[in-house]
Amino acid sequence: MTSIDGFITLVRDDLGLTISDSDVDRPLDEIAGWDSLHLLTLLSALERAEGRSLSLPAALEATTLRGLYDVAVTG
């Protein structure tokens, strides 16, 4: 994942959620349509995109999409 813009595109394409740049710092529970299944789907998509496993505990601690992006970028 090279940029937050690429991450936003992945969220839109793989999850079907309509998000904007301003949504990346919004708490996950405030994103329209977000649920726990989206987290699992997003983690799977990020692992495919990154070609490696991501830390589930770190992902579960993330409270925003930017936090999930950081998990994907920093591993």
PDB file of N, CA and C in Angstrom:
ATOM      1  N   MET A   1       0.866  -1.165   0.000  1.00  0.00           N
ATOM      2  CA  MET A   1       0.000   0.000   0.000  1.00  0.00           C
ATOM      3  C   MET A   1       0.907   1.220   0.000  1.00  0.00           C
ATOM      4  N   THR A   2       0.850   1.954  -1.078  1.00  0.00           N
ATOM      5  CA  THR A   2       1.774   3.070  -1.215  1.00  0.00           C
ATOM      6  C   THR A   2       1.239   4.391  -0.689  1.00  0.00           C
ATOM      7  N   SER A   3      -0.071   4.508  -0.587  1.00  0.00           N
ATOM      8  CA  SER A   3      -0.615   5.791  -0.133  1.00  0.00           C
ATOM      9  C   SER A   3      -1.974   5.598   0.523  1.00  0.00           C
ATOM     10  N   ILE A   4      -2.371   6.614   1.267  1.00  0.00           N
ATOM     11  CA  ILE A   4      -3.689   6.591   1.882  1.00  0.00           C
ATOM     12  C   ILE A   4      -4.769   6.629   0.799  1.00  0.00           C
ATOM     13  N   ASP A   5      -4.474   7.262  -0.331  1.00  0.00           N
ATOM     14  CA  ASP A   5      -5.441   7.294  -1.435  1.00  0.00           C
ATOM     15  C   ASP A   5      -5.688   5.889  -1.984  1.00  0.00           C
ATOM     16  N   GLY A   6      -4.618   5.102  -2.108  1.00  0.00           N
ATOM     17  CA  GLY A   6      -4.767   3.719  -2.547  1.00  0.00           C
ATOM     18  C   GLY A   6      -5.569   2.900  -1.550  1.00  0.00           C
ATOM     19  N   PHE A   7      -5.374   3.182  -0.274  1.00  0.00           N
ATOM     20  CA  PHE A   7      -6.126   2.517   0.788  1.00  0.00           C
ATOM     21  C   PHE A   7      -7.611   2.856   0.680  1.00  0.00           C
ATOM     22  N   ILE A   8      -7.921   4.121   0.478  1.00  0.00           N
ATOM     23  CA  ILE A   8      -9.318   4.549   0.344  1.00  0.00           C
ATOM     24  C   ILE A   8      -9.966   3.864  -0.859  1.00  0.00           C
ATOM     25  N   THR A   9      -9.238   3.781  -1.950  1.00  0.00           N
ATOM     26  CA  THR A   9      -9.753   3.090  -3.134  1.00  0.00           C
ATOM     27  C   THR A   9     -10.029   1.623  -2.828  1.00  0.00           C
ATOM     28  N   LEU A  10      -9.122   0.973  -2.103  1.00  0.00           N
ATOM     29  CA  LEU A  10      -9.315  -0.426  -1.725  1.00  0.00           C
ATOM     30  C   LEU A  10     -10.566  -0.580  -0.865  1.00  0.00           C
ATOM     31  N   VAL A  11     -10.762   0.315   0.090  1.00  0.00           N
ATOM     32  CA  VAL A  11     -11.954   0.256   0.943  1.00  0.00           C
ATOM     33  C   VAL A  11     -13.213   0.412   0.091  1.00  0.00           C
ATOM     34  N   ARG A  12     -13.204   1.361  -0.800  1.00  0.00           N
ATOM     35  CA  ARG A  12     -14.369   1.583  -1.668  1.00  0.00           C
ATOM     36  C   ARG A  12     -14.645   0.367  -2.548  1.00  0.00           C
ATOM     37  N   ASP A  13     -13.595  -0.145  -3.190  1.00  0.00           N
ATOM     38  CA  ASP A  13     -13.761  -1.237  -4.150  1.00  0.00           C
ATOM     39  C   ASP A  13     -14.083  -2.568  -3.479  1.00  0.00           C
ATOM     40  N   ASP A  14     -13.354  -2.910  -2.415  1.00  0.00           N
ATOM     41  CA  ASP A  14     -13.512  -4.226  -1.798  1.00  0.00           C
ATOM     42  C   ASP A  14     -14.655  -4.299  -0.794  1.00  0.00           C
ATOM     43  N   LEU A  15     -14.958  -3.185  -0.146  1.00  0.00           N
ATOM     44  CA  LEU A  15     -16.024  -3.200   0.855  1.00  0.00           C
ATOM     45  C   LEU A  15     -17.321  -2.599   0.340  1.00  0.00           C
ATOM     46  N   GLY A  16     -17.235  -1.839  -0.725  1.00  0.00           N
ATOM     47  CA  GLY A  16     -18.430  -1.199  -1.258  1.00  0.00           C
ATOM     48  C   GLY A  16     -18.932  -0.061  -0.394  1.00  0.00           C
ATOM     49  N   LEU A  17     -18.054   0.476   0.446  1.00  0.00           N
ATOM     50  CA  LEU A  17     -18.443   1.608   1.292  1.00  0.00           C
ATOM     51  C   LEU A  17     -18.081   2.906   0.592  1.00  0.00           C
ATOM     52  N   THR A  18     -18.968   3.855   0.651  1.00  0.00           N
ATOM     53  CA  THR A  18     -18.711   5.168   0.087  1.00  0.00           C
ATOM     54  C   THR A  18     -18.065   6.015   1.167  1.00  0.00           C
ATOM     55  N   ILE A  19     -16.741   6.167   1.053  1.00  0.00           N
ATOM     56  CA  ILE A  19     -16.015   6.977   2.035  1.00  0.00           C
ATOM     57  C   ILE A  19     -15.255   8.068   1.305  1.00  0.00           C
ATOM     58  N   SER A  20     -14.921   9.110   2.050  1.00  0.00           N
ATOM     59  CA  SER A  20     -14.129  10.208   1.501  1.00  0.00           C
ATOM     60  C   SER A  20     -12.854  10.338   2.320  1.00  0.00           C
ATOM     61  N   ASP A  21     -12.007  11.234   1.892  1.00  0.00           N
ATOM     62  CA  ASP A  21     -10.759  11.474   2.625  1.00  0.00           C
ATOM     63  C   ASP A  21     -11.026  11.834   4.079  1.00  0.00           C
ATOM     64  N   SER A  22     -12.106  12.550   4.334  1.00  0.00           N
ATOM     65  CA  SER A  22     -12.398  12.987   5.700  1.00  0.00           C
ATOM     66  C   SER A  22     -12.836  11.829   6.602  1.00  0.00           C
ATOM     67  N   ASP A  23     -13.223  10.707   6.015  1.00  0.00           N
ATOM     68  CA  ASP A  23     -13.667   9.564   6.814  1.00  0.00           C
ATOM     69  C   ASP A  23     -12.521   8.761   7.420  1.00  0.00           C
ATOM     70  N   VAL A  24     -11.306   8.937   6.935  1.00  0.00           N
ATOM     71  CA  VAL A  24     -10.211   8.092   7.425  1.00  0.00           C
ATOM     72  C   VAL A  24      -9.890   8.336   8.892  1.00  0.00           C
ATOM     73  N   ASP A  25     -10.210   9.502   9.408  1.00  0.00           N
ATOM     74  CA  ASP A  25      -9.948   9.800  10.822  1.00  0.00           C
ATOM     75  C   ASP A  25     -11.204   9.738  11.689  1.00  0.00           C
ATOM     76  N   ARG A  26     -12.305   9.361  11.104  1.00  0.00           N
ATOM     77  CA  ARG A  26     -13.573   9.223  11.832  1.00  0.00           C
ATOM     78  C   ARG A  26     -13.572   7.878  12.562  1.00  0.00           C
ATOM     79  N   PRO A  27     -14.098   7.809  13.778  1.00  0.00           N
ATOM     80  CA  PRO A  27     -14.202   6.506  14.451  1.00  0.00           C
ATOM     81  C   PRO A  27     -14.954   5.508  13.578  1.00  0.00           C
ATOM     82  N   LEU A  28     -14.485   4.272  13.578  1.00  0.00           N
ATOM     83  CA  LEU A  28     -15.086   3.253  12.718  1.00  0.00           C
ATOM     84  C   LEU A  28     -16.584   3.135  12.916  1.00  0.00           C
ATOM     85  N   ASP A  29     -17.046   3.246  14.154  1.00  0.00           N
ATOM     86  CA  ASP A  29     -18.479   3.090  14.411  1.00  0.00           C
ATOM     87  C   ASP A  29     -19.307   4.278  13.914  1.00  0.00           C
ATOM     88  N   GLU A  30     -18.651   5.315  13.410  1.00  0.00           N
ATOM     89  CA  GLU A  30     -19.355   6.457  12.833  1.00  0.00           C
ATOM     90  C   GLU A  30     -19.361   6.434  11.304  1.00  0.00           C
ATOM     91  N   ILE A  31     -18.732   5.427  10.711  1.00  0.00           N
ATOM     92  CA  ILE A  31     -18.708   5.311   9.253  1.00  0.00           C
ATOM     93  C   ILE A  31     -19.976   4.594   8.809  1.00  0.00           C
ATOM     94  N   ALA A  32     -20.704   5.229   7.934  1.00  0.00           N
ATOM     95  CA  ALA A  32     -21.988   4.683   7.482  1.00  0.00           C
ATOM     96  C   ALA A  32     -21.800   3.298   6.882  1.00  0.00           C
ATOM     97  N   GLY A  33     -22.535   2.329   7.430  1.00  0.00           N
ATOM     98  CA  GLY A  33     -22.515   0.973   6.928  1.00  0.00           C
ATOM     99  C   GLY A  33     -21.451   0.079   7.518  1.00  0.00           C
ATOM    100  N   TRP A  34     -20.557   0.620   8.347  1.00  0.00           N
ATOM    101  CA  TRP A  34     -19.461  -0.170   8.904  1.00  0.00           C
ATOM    102  C   TRP A  34     -19.993  -1.199   9.899  1.00  0.00           C
ATOM    103  N   ASP A  35     -19.440  -2.420   9.827  1.00  0.00           N
ATOM    104  CA  ASP A  35     -19.709  -3.432  10.848  1.00  0.00           C
ATOM    105  C   ASP A  35     -18.484  -4.327  10.976  1.00  0.00           C
ATOM    106  N   SER A  36     -18.534  -5.262  11.911  1.00  0.00           N
ATOM    107  CA  SER A  36     -17.370  -6.095  12.202  1.00  0.00           C
ATOM    108  C   SER A  36     -16.971  -6.963  11.012  1.00  0.00           C
ATOM    109  N   LEU A  37     -17.911  -7.331  10.167  1.00  0.00           N
ATOM    110  CA  LEU A  37     -17.554  -8.113   8.984  1.00  0.00           C
ATOM    111  C   LEU A  37     -16.711  -7.300   8.009  1.00  0.00           C
ATOM    112  N   HIS A  38     -16.921  -5.999   7.987  1.00  0.00           N
ATOM    113  CA  HIS A  38     -16.096  -5.149   7.137  1.00  0.00           C
ATOM    114  C   HIS A  38     -14.641  -5.187   7.595  1.00  0.00           C
ATOM    115  N   LEU A  39     -14.429  -5.246   8.899  1.00  0.00           N
ATOM    116  CA  LEU A  39     -13.060  -5.319   9.414  1.00  0.00           C
ATOM    117  C   LEU A  39     -12.368  -6.573   8.899  1.00  0.00           C
ATOM    118  N   LEU A  40     -13.026  -7.709   9.000  1.00  0.00           N
ATOM    119  CA  LEU A  40     -12.419  -8.960   8.534  1.00  0.00           C
ATOM    120  C   LEU A  40     -12.181  -8.940   7.029  1.00  0.00           C
ATOM    121  N   THR A  41     -13.143  -8.429   6.284  1.00  0.00           N
ATOM    122  CA  THR A  41     -13.000  -8.337   4.836  1.00  0.00           C
ATOM    123  C   THR A  41     -11.856  -7.409   4.463  1.00  0.00           C
ATOM    124  N   LEU A  42     -11.761  -6.283   5.163  1.00  0.00           N
ATOM    125  CA  LEU A  42     -10.691  -5.326   4.888  1.00  0.00           C
ATOM    126  C   LEU A  42      -9.329  -5.915   5.224  1.00  0.00           C
ATOM    127  N   LEU A  43      -9.226  -6.607   6.335  1.00  0.00           N
ATOM    128  CA  LEU A  43      -7.946  -7.223   6.696  1.00  0.00           C
ATOM    129  C   LEU A  43      -7.513  -8.235   5.641  1.00  0.00           C
ATOM    130  N   SER A  44      -8.441  -9.026   5.151  1.00  0.00           N
ATOM    131  CA  SER A  44      -8.118  -9.996   4.095  1.00  0.00           C
ATOM    132  C   SER A  44      -7.652  -9.285   2.832  1.00  0.00           C
ATOM    133  N   ALA A  45      -8.339  -8.217   2.456  1.00  0.00           N
ATOM    134  CA  ALA A  45      -7.967  -7.456   1.257  1.00  0.00           C
ATOM    135  C   ALA A  45      -6.593  -6.811   1.431  1.00  0.00           C
ATOM    136  N   LEU A  46      -6.327  -6.290   2.616  1.00  0.00           N
ATOM    137  CA  LEU A  46      -5.027  -5.669   2.878  1.00  0.00           C
ATOM    138  C   LEU A  46      -3.910  -6.702   2.846  1.00  0.00           C
ATOM    139  N   GLU A  47      -4.162  -7.881   3.383  1.00  0.00           N
ATOM    140  CA  GLU A  47      -3.150  -8.937   3.356  1.00  0.00           C
ATOM    141  C   GLU A  47      -2.846  -9.353   1.915  1.00  0.00           C
ATOM    142  N   ARG A  48      -3.874  -9.443   1.082  1.00  0.00           N
ATOM    143  CA  ARG A  48      -3.654  -9.759  -0.336  1.00  0.00           C
ATOM    144  C   ARG A  48      -2.846  -8.644  -1.001  1.00  0.00           C
ATOM    145  N   ALA A  49      -3.221  -7.410  -0.729  1.00  0.00           N
ATOM    146  CA  ALA A  49      -2.548  -6.268  -1.348  1.00  0.00           C
ATOM    147  C   ALA A  49      -1.090  -6.155  -0.901  1.00  0.00           C
ATOM    148  N   GLU A  50      -0.846  -6.440   0.375  1.00  0.00           N
ATOM    149  CA  GLU A  50       0.501  -6.307   0.924  1.00  0.00           C
ATOM    150  C   GLU A  50       1.344  -7.564   0.728  1.00  0.00           C
ATOM    151  N   GLY A  51       0.686  -8.689   0.467  1.00  0.00           N
ATOM    152  CA  GLY A  51       1.422  -9.938   0.276  1.00  0.00           C
ATOM    153  C   GLY A  51       2.012 -10.494   1.548  1.00  0.00           C
ATOM    154  N   ARG A  52       1.402 -10.164   2.673  1.00  0.00           N
ATOM    155  CA  ARG A  52       1.880 -10.668   3.970  1.00  0.00           C
ATOM    156  C   ARG A  52       0.752 -10.614   4.979  1.00  0.00           C
ATOM    157  N   SER A  53       0.946 -11.339   6.072  1.00  0.00           N
ATOM    158  CA  SER A  53      -0.042 -11.328   7.156  1.00  0.00           C
ATOM    159  C   SER A  53       0.062 -10.033   7.942  1.00  0.00           C
ATOM    160  N   LEU A  54      -1.064  -9.586   8.453  1.00  0.00           N
ATOM    161  CA  LEU A  54      -1.103  -8.399   9.300  1.00  0.00           C
ATOM    162  C   LEU A  54      -1.423  -8.815  10.723  1.00  0.00           C
ATOM    163  N   SER A  55      -1.074  -7.976  11.662  1.00  0.00           N
ATOM    164  CA  SER A  55      -1.314  -8.258  13.065  1.00  0.00           C
ATOM    165  C   SER A  55      -2.791  -8.064  13.411  1.00  0.00           C
ATOM    166  N   LEU A  56      -3.461  -9.157  13.739  1.00  0.00           N
ATOM    167  CA  LEU A  56      -4.865  -9.061  14.137  1.00  0.00           C
ATOM    168  C   LEU A  56      -5.024  -8.248  15.418  1.00  0.00           C
ATOM    169  N   PRO A  57      -4.192  -8.479  16.456  1.00  0.00           N
ATOM    170  CA  PRO A  57      -4.338  -7.644  17.658  1.00  0.00           C
ATOM    171  C   PRO A  57      -4.182  -6.149  17.368  1.00  0.00           C
ATOM    172  N   ALA A  58      -3.235  -5.796  16.518  1.00  0.00           N
ATOM    173  CA  ALA A  58      -3.046  -4.377  16.177  1.00  0.00           C
ATOM    174  C   ALA A  58      -4.261  -3.850  15.424  1.00  0.00           C
ATOM    175  N   ALA A  59      -4.803  -4.662  14.519  1.00  0.00           N
ATOM    176  CA  ALA A  59      -5.990  -4.233  13.764  1.00  0.00           C
ATOM    177  C   ALA A  59      -7.184  -4.052  14.692  1.00  0.00           C
ATOM    178  N   LEU A  60      -7.329  -4.928  15.660  1.00  0.00           N
ATOM    179  CA  LEU A  60      -8.452  -4.820  16.596  1.00  0.00           C
ATOM    180  C   LEU A  60      -8.340  -3.593  17.485  1.00  0.00           C
ATOM    181  N   GLU A  61      -7.132  -3.105  17.703  1.00  0.00           N
ATOM    182  CA  GLU A  61      -6.925  -1.902  18.511  1.00  0.00           C
ATOM    183  C   GLU A  61      -7.182  -0.623  17.722  1.00  0.00           C
ATOM    184  N   ALA A  62      -7.155  -0.718  16.396  1.00  0.00           N
ATOM    185  CA  ALA A  62      -7.370   0.470  15.559  1.00  0.00           C
ATOM    186  C   ALA A  62      -8.798   0.959  15.721  1.00  0.00           C
ATOM    187  N   THR A  63      -8.939   2.250  15.833  1.00  0.00           N
ATOM    188  CA  THR A  63     -10.268   2.838  16.019  1.00  0.00           C
ATOM    189  C   THR A  63     -10.736   3.643  14.808  1.00  0.00           C
ATOM    190  N   THR A  64      -9.840   3.795  13.818  1.00  0.00           N
ATOM    191  CA  THR A  64     -10.158   4.552  12.612  1.00  0.00           C
ATOM    192  C   THR A  64      -9.611   3.810  11.393  1.00  0.00           C
ATOM    193  N   LEU A  65     -10.051   4.218  10.221  1.00  0.00           N
ATOM    194  CA  LEU A  65      -9.488   3.654   9.002  1.00  0.00           C
ATOM    195  C   LEU A  65      -8.003   3.988   8.886  1.00  0.00           C
ATOM    196  N   ARG A  66      -7.608   5.177   9.316  1.00  0.00           N
ATOM    197  CA  ARG A  66      -6.184   5.531   9.281  1.00  0.00           C
ATOM    198  C   ARG A  66      -5.386   4.591  10.182  1.00  0.00           C
ATOM    199  N   GLY A  67      -5.960   4.216  11.306  1.00  0.00           N
ATOM    200  CA  GLY A  67      -5.296   3.254  12.171  1.00  0.00           C
ATOM    201  C   GLY A  67      -5.113   1.916  11.482  1.00  0.00           C
ATOM    202  N   LEU A  68      -6.115   1.475  10.730  1.00  0.00           N
ATOM    203  CA  LEU A  68      -5.999   0.228   9.975  1.00  0.00           C
ATOM    204  C   LEU A  68      -4.979   0.376   8.849  1.00  0.00           C
ATOM    205  N   TYR A  69      -4.958   1.525   8.213  1.00  0.00           N
ATOM    206  CA  TYR A  69      -3.941   1.805   7.196  1.00  0.00           C
ATOM    207  C   TYR A  69      -2.549   1.715   7.806  1.00  0.00           C
ATOM    208  N   ASP A  70      -2.370   2.298   8.974  1.00  0.00           N
ATOM    209  CA  ASP A  70      -1.071   2.244   9.647  1.00  0.00           C
ATOM    210  C   ASP A  70      -0.653   0.808   9.945  1.00  0.00           C
ATOM    211  N   VAL A  71      -1.605  -0.028  10.355  1.00  0.00           N
ATOM    212  CA  VAL A  71      -1.318  -1.447  10.602  1.00  0.00           C
ATOM    213  C   VAL A  71      -0.812  -2.082   9.314  1.00  0.00           C
ATOM    214  N   ALA A  72      -1.454  -1.769   8.206  1.00  0.00           N
ATOM    215  CA  ALA A  72      -1.062  -2.360   6.920  1.00  0.00           C
ATOM    216  C   ALA A  72       0.310  -1.884   6.479  1.00  0.00           C
ATOM    217  N   VAL A  73       0.605  -0.618   6.718  1.00  0.00           N
ATOM    218  CA  VAL A  73       1.865  -0.057   6.269  1.00  0.00           C
ATOM    219  C   VAL A  73       3.034  -0.469   7.166  1.00  0.00           C
ATOM    220  N   THR A  74       2.806  -0.464   8.467  1.00  0.00           N
ATOM    221  CA  THR A  74       3.897  -0.747   9.400  1.00  0.00           C
ATOM    222  C   THR A  74       4.012  -2.224   9.738  1.00  0.00           C
ATOM    223  N   GLY A  75       2.974  -2.985   9.434  1.00  0.00           N
ATOM    224  CA  GLY A  75       3.011  -4.425   9.658  1.00  0.00           C
ATOM    225  C   GLY A  75       2.787  -4.771  11.060  1.00  0.00           C
TER     226      GLY A  75
END
